[in-house]
N, C-alpha and C. Protein backbone atom coordinates (compact mmCIF):
# COMPACT_ATOMS: atom_id res chain seq x y z
N MET A 1 -256.71 80.77 -87.69
CA MET A 1 -256.95 81.87 -86.78
C MET A 1 -256.81 81.39 -85.35
N PRO A 2 -256.03 82.06 -84.56
CA PRO A 2 -255.86 81.66 -83.16
C PRO A 2 -257.16 81.86 -82.36
N TYR A 3 -257.25 81.15 -81.28
CA TYR A 3 -258.43 81.23 -80.42
C TYR A 3 -258.09 82.07 -79.18
N GLU A 4 -258.92 83.06 -78.91
CA GLU A 4 -258.69 83.93 -77.75
C GLU A 4 -259.11 83.26 -76.45
N ASN A 5 -260.18 82.49 -76.50
CA ASN A 5 -260.65 81.81 -75.29
C ASN A 5 -261.35 80.51 -75.68
N LYS A 6 -261.70 79.72 -74.69
CA LYS A 6 -262.29 78.41 -74.94
C LYS A 6 -263.65 78.51 -75.63
N GLN A 7 -264.36 79.60 -75.42
CA GLN A 7 -265.67 79.76 -76.05
C GLN A 7 -265.55 79.87 -77.57
N ASP A 8 -264.37 80.25 -78.05
CA ASP A 8 -264.14 80.39 -79.49
C ASP A 8 -263.78 79.07 -80.17
N LEU A 9 -263.50 78.04 -79.40
CA LEU A 9 -263.09 76.76 -79.97
C LEU A 9 -264.20 76.15 -80.81
N PRO A 10 -263.85 75.29 -81.77
CA PRO A 10 -264.88 74.61 -82.57
C PRO A 10 -265.82 73.81 -81.68
N VAL A 11 -267.05 73.68 -82.13
CA VAL A 11 -268.07 72.97 -81.37
C VAL A 11 -267.63 71.54 -81.04
N ALA A 12 -267.00 70.87 -81.98
CA ALA A 12 -266.55 69.49 -81.75
C ALA A 12 -265.55 69.40 -80.61
N VAL A 13 -264.76 70.42 -80.43
CA VAL A 13 -263.79 70.46 -79.34
C VAL A 13 -264.51 70.78 -78.03
N LYS A 14 -265.34 71.81 -78.04
CA LYS A 14 -266.05 72.22 -76.82
C LYS A 14 -266.99 71.14 -76.31
N ASN A 15 -267.64 70.43 -77.22
CA ASN A 15 -268.64 69.44 -76.81
C ASN A 15 -268.05 68.09 -76.41
N ASN A 16 -266.77 67.88 -76.71
CA ASN A 16 -266.19 66.56 -76.44
C ASN A 16 -265.06 66.54 -75.43
N LEU A 17 -264.32 67.62 -75.31
CA LEU A 17 -263.16 67.62 -74.42
C LEU A 17 -263.47 68.24 -73.07
N PRO A 18 -262.91 67.69 -72.00
CA PRO A 18 -263.03 68.32 -70.68
C PRO A 18 -262.35 69.70 -70.71
N SER A 19 -262.66 70.51 -69.76
CA SER A 19 -262.15 71.89 -69.71
C SER A 19 -260.63 71.97 -69.81
N HIS A 20 -259.91 71.16 -69.04
CA HIS A 20 -258.45 71.20 -69.07
C HIS A 20 -257.92 70.81 -70.44
N ALA A 21 -258.54 69.82 -71.07
CA ALA A 21 -258.12 69.39 -72.40
C ALA A 21 -258.40 70.50 -73.43
N GLN A 22 -259.45 71.25 -73.23
CA GLN A 22 -259.73 72.40 -74.09
C GLN A 22 -258.62 73.44 -73.96
N ASP A 23 -258.16 73.66 -72.75
CA ASP A 23 -257.03 74.59 -72.53
C ASP A 23 -255.80 74.12 -73.30
N ILE A 24 -255.50 72.83 -73.20
CA ILE A 24 -254.35 72.26 -73.89
C ILE A 24 -254.51 72.46 -75.41
N PHE A 25 -255.69 72.14 -75.92
CA PHE A 25 -255.96 72.28 -77.35
C PHE A 25 -255.74 73.71 -77.79
N LYS A 26 -256.32 74.65 -77.07
CA LYS A 26 -256.22 76.07 -77.44
C LYS A 26 -254.78 76.55 -77.45
N GLU A 27 -254.04 76.24 -76.41
CA GLU A 27 -252.66 76.70 -76.32
C GLU A 27 -251.78 76.06 -77.40
N ALA A 28 -251.98 74.77 -77.65
CA ALA A 28 -251.19 74.09 -78.67
C ALA A 28 -251.54 74.61 -80.07
N PHE A 29 -252.81 74.82 -80.32
CA PHE A 29 -253.24 75.34 -81.62
C PHE A 29 -252.63 76.71 -81.86
N ASN A 30 -252.75 77.59 -80.88
CA ASN A 30 -252.23 78.95 -81.03
C ASN A 30 -250.72 78.96 -81.23
N SER A 31 -250.02 78.11 -80.51
CA SER A 31 -248.57 78.02 -80.65
C SER A 31 -248.19 77.54 -82.04
N ALA A 32 -248.87 76.48 -82.51
CA ALA A 32 -248.58 75.94 -83.84
C ALA A 32 -248.96 76.94 -84.93
N TRP A 33 -250.03 77.68 -84.71
CA TRP A 33 -250.45 78.71 -85.67
C TRP A 33 -249.30 79.70 -85.89
N ASP A 34 -248.66 80.08 -84.81
CA ASP A 34 -247.53 81.01 -84.92
C ASP A 34 -246.29 80.33 -85.49
N GLU A 35 -246.02 79.14 -85.03
CA GLU A 35 -244.79 78.45 -85.43
C GLU A 35 -244.77 78.06 -86.90
N TYR A 36 -245.92 77.69 -87.45
CA TYR A 36 -245.98 77.20 -88.82
C TYR A 36 -246.63 78.18 -89.78
N LYS A 37 -246.45 79.47 -89.53
CA LYS A 37 -247.07 80.48 -90.40
C LYS A 37 -246.48 80.47 -91.81
N ASP A 38 -245.20 80.12 -91.93
CA ASP A 38 -244.55 80.08 -93.24
C ASP A 38 -244.67 78.70 -93.86
N LYS A 39 -245.10 78.65 -95.11
CA LYS A 39 -245.32 77.37 -95.80
C LYS A 39 -244.08 76.49 -95.77
N GLU A 40 -242.90 77.07 -95.85
CA GLU A 40 -241.68 76.26 -95.86
C GLU A 40 -241.40 75.59 -94.51
N ASP A 41 -242.11 76.01 -93.47
CA ASP A 41 -241.97 75.39 -92.15
C ASP A 41 -242.89 74.18 -91.97
N ARG A 42 -243.78 73.97 -92.95
CA ARG A 42 -244.74 72.86 -92.89
C ARG A 42 -244.32 71.75 -93.84
N ARG A 43 -244.65 70.52 -93.47
CA ARG A 43 -244.40 69.38 -94.36
C ARG A 43 -245.61 69.17 -95.26
N GLY A 44 -245.37 68.73 -96.44
CA GLY A 44 -246.46 68.43 -97.36
C GLY A 44 -247.21 69.67 -97.78
N ASN A 45 -248.46 69.47 -98.13
CA ASN A 45 -249.30 70.56 -98.62
C ASN A 45 -250.34 71.01 -97.61
N ASP A 46 -250.18 70.62 -96.37
CA ASP A 46 -251.16 71.00 -95.35
C ASP A 46 -251.17 72.51 -95.16
N SER A 47 -252.36 73.05 -94.95
CA SER A 47 -252.50 74.47 -94.68
C SER A 47 -252.04 74.77 -93.25
N ARG A 48 -251.87 76.01 -92.98
CA ARG A 48 -251.48 76.45 -91.63
C ARG A 48 -252.50 75.94 -90.60
N GLU A 49 -253.77 76.05 -90.94
CA GLU A 49 -254.82 75.62 -90.02
C GLU A 49 -254.81 74.10 -89.82
N GLU A 50 -254.60 73.35 -90.89
CA GLU A 50 -254.55 71.89 -90.77
C GLU A 50 -253.41 71.45 -89.85
N VAL A 51 -252.26 72.08 -90.01
CA VAL A 51 -251.10 71.75 -89.17
C VAL A 51 -251.41 72.09 -87.71
N ALA A 52 -251.99 73.26 -87.49
CA ALA A 52 -252.30 73.68 -86.12
C ALA A 52 -253.29 72.71 -85.46
N PHE A 53 -254.29 72.23 -86.22
CA PHE A 53 -255.24 71.26 -85.67
C PHE A 53 -254.54 69.95 -85.33
N LYS A 54 -253.65 69.48 -86.20
CA LYS A 54 -252.93 68.24 -85.94
C LYS A 54 -252.08 68.36 -84.67
N VAL A 55 -251.40 69.48 -84.53
CA VAL A 55 -250.56 69.71 -83.35
C VAL A 55 -251.43 69.76 -82.10
N ALA A 56 -252.55 70.46 -82.18
CA ALA A 56 -253.43 70.60 -81.02
C ALA A 56 -253.98 69.25 -80.56
N TRP A 57 -254.45 68.43 -81.52
CA TRP A 57 -254.97 67.11 -81.14
C TRP A 57 -253.88 66.22 -80.59
N ALA A 58 -252.68 66.31 -81.15
CA ALA A 58 -251.56 65.51 -80.63
C ALA A 58 -251.25 65.90 -79.19
N ALA A 59 -251.31 67.20 -78.90
CA ALA A 59 -251.05 67.67 -77.53
C ALA A 59 -252.11 67.15 -76.57
N VAL A 60 -253.36 67.16 -76.98
CA VAL A 60 -254.45 66.64 -76.14
C VAL A 60 -254.22 65.15 -75.87
N LYS A 61 -253.84 64.41 -76.91
CA LYS A 61 -253.66 62.97 -76.79
C LYS A 61 -252.47 62.58 -75.92
N GLU A 62 -251.60 63.53 -75.64
CA GLU A 62 -250.49 63.28 -74.71
C GLU A 62 -251.01 63.09 -73.27
N LYS A 63 -252.10 63.77 -72.93
CA LYS A 63 -252.62 63.76 -71.56
C LYS A 63 -253.98 63.09 -71.41
N TYR A 64 -254.70 62.93 -72.52
CA TYR A 64 -256.07 62.39 -72.48
C TYR A 64 -256.22 61.26 -73.49
N HIS A 65 -257.20 60.41 -73.24
CA HIS A 65 -257.56 59.37 -74.19
C HIS A 65 -259.07 59.13 -74.08
N LYS A 66 -259.62 58.46 -75.08
CA LYS A 66 -261.04 58.12 -75.04
C LYS A 66 -261.21 56.82 -74.28
N ASN A 67 -262.17 56.78 -73.37
CA ASN A 67 -262.44 55.57 -72.61
C ASN A 67 -263.44 54.68 -73.36
N ALA A 68 -263.86 53.62 -72.73
CA ALA A 68 -264.79 52.68 -73.35
C ALA A 68 -266.13 53.31 -73.70
N ASP A 69 -266.48 54.38 -72.98
CA ASP A 69 -267.74 55.08 -73.23
C ASP A 69 -267.58 56.20 -74.26
N ASP A 70 -266.42 56.23 -74.92
CA ASP A 70 -266.12 57.23 -75.95
C ASP A 70 -266.02 58.66 -75.39
N LYS A 71 -265.63 58.75 -74.11
CA LYS A 71 -265.45 60.04 -73.45
C LYS A 71 -263.96 60.30 -73.28
N TRP A 72 -263.55 61.56 -73.45
CA TRP A 72 -262.16 61.93 -73.24
C TRP A 72 -261.88 62.04 -71.74
N VAL A 73 -260.90 61.27 -71.27
CA VAL A 73 -260.54 61.26 -69.85
C VAL A 73 -259.01 61.37 -69.73
N LYS A 74 -258.59 61.86 -68.57
CA LYS A 74 -257.16 62.01 -68.30
C LYS A 74 -256.50 60.64 -68.24
N LYS A 75 -255.30 60.55 -68.78
CA LYS A 75 -254.54 59.29 -68.75
C LYS A 75 -254.07 59.00 -67.34
């Protein structure tokens, strides 16, 4: 299910990612949700939601990383 706003994001995302990273996650998740709606567009047996989560986290990791204090910070 796509997310309409950042308040709808999972608690683990809201409690750990900075605001901008949450925006990236939401947009990437929603885009992947649309792009991979058909099972034949996905690799393996991952569900639509699993693929969207993988895409969203990959997008976040393009711009952010965890620092020594285990906090997500901009690269």
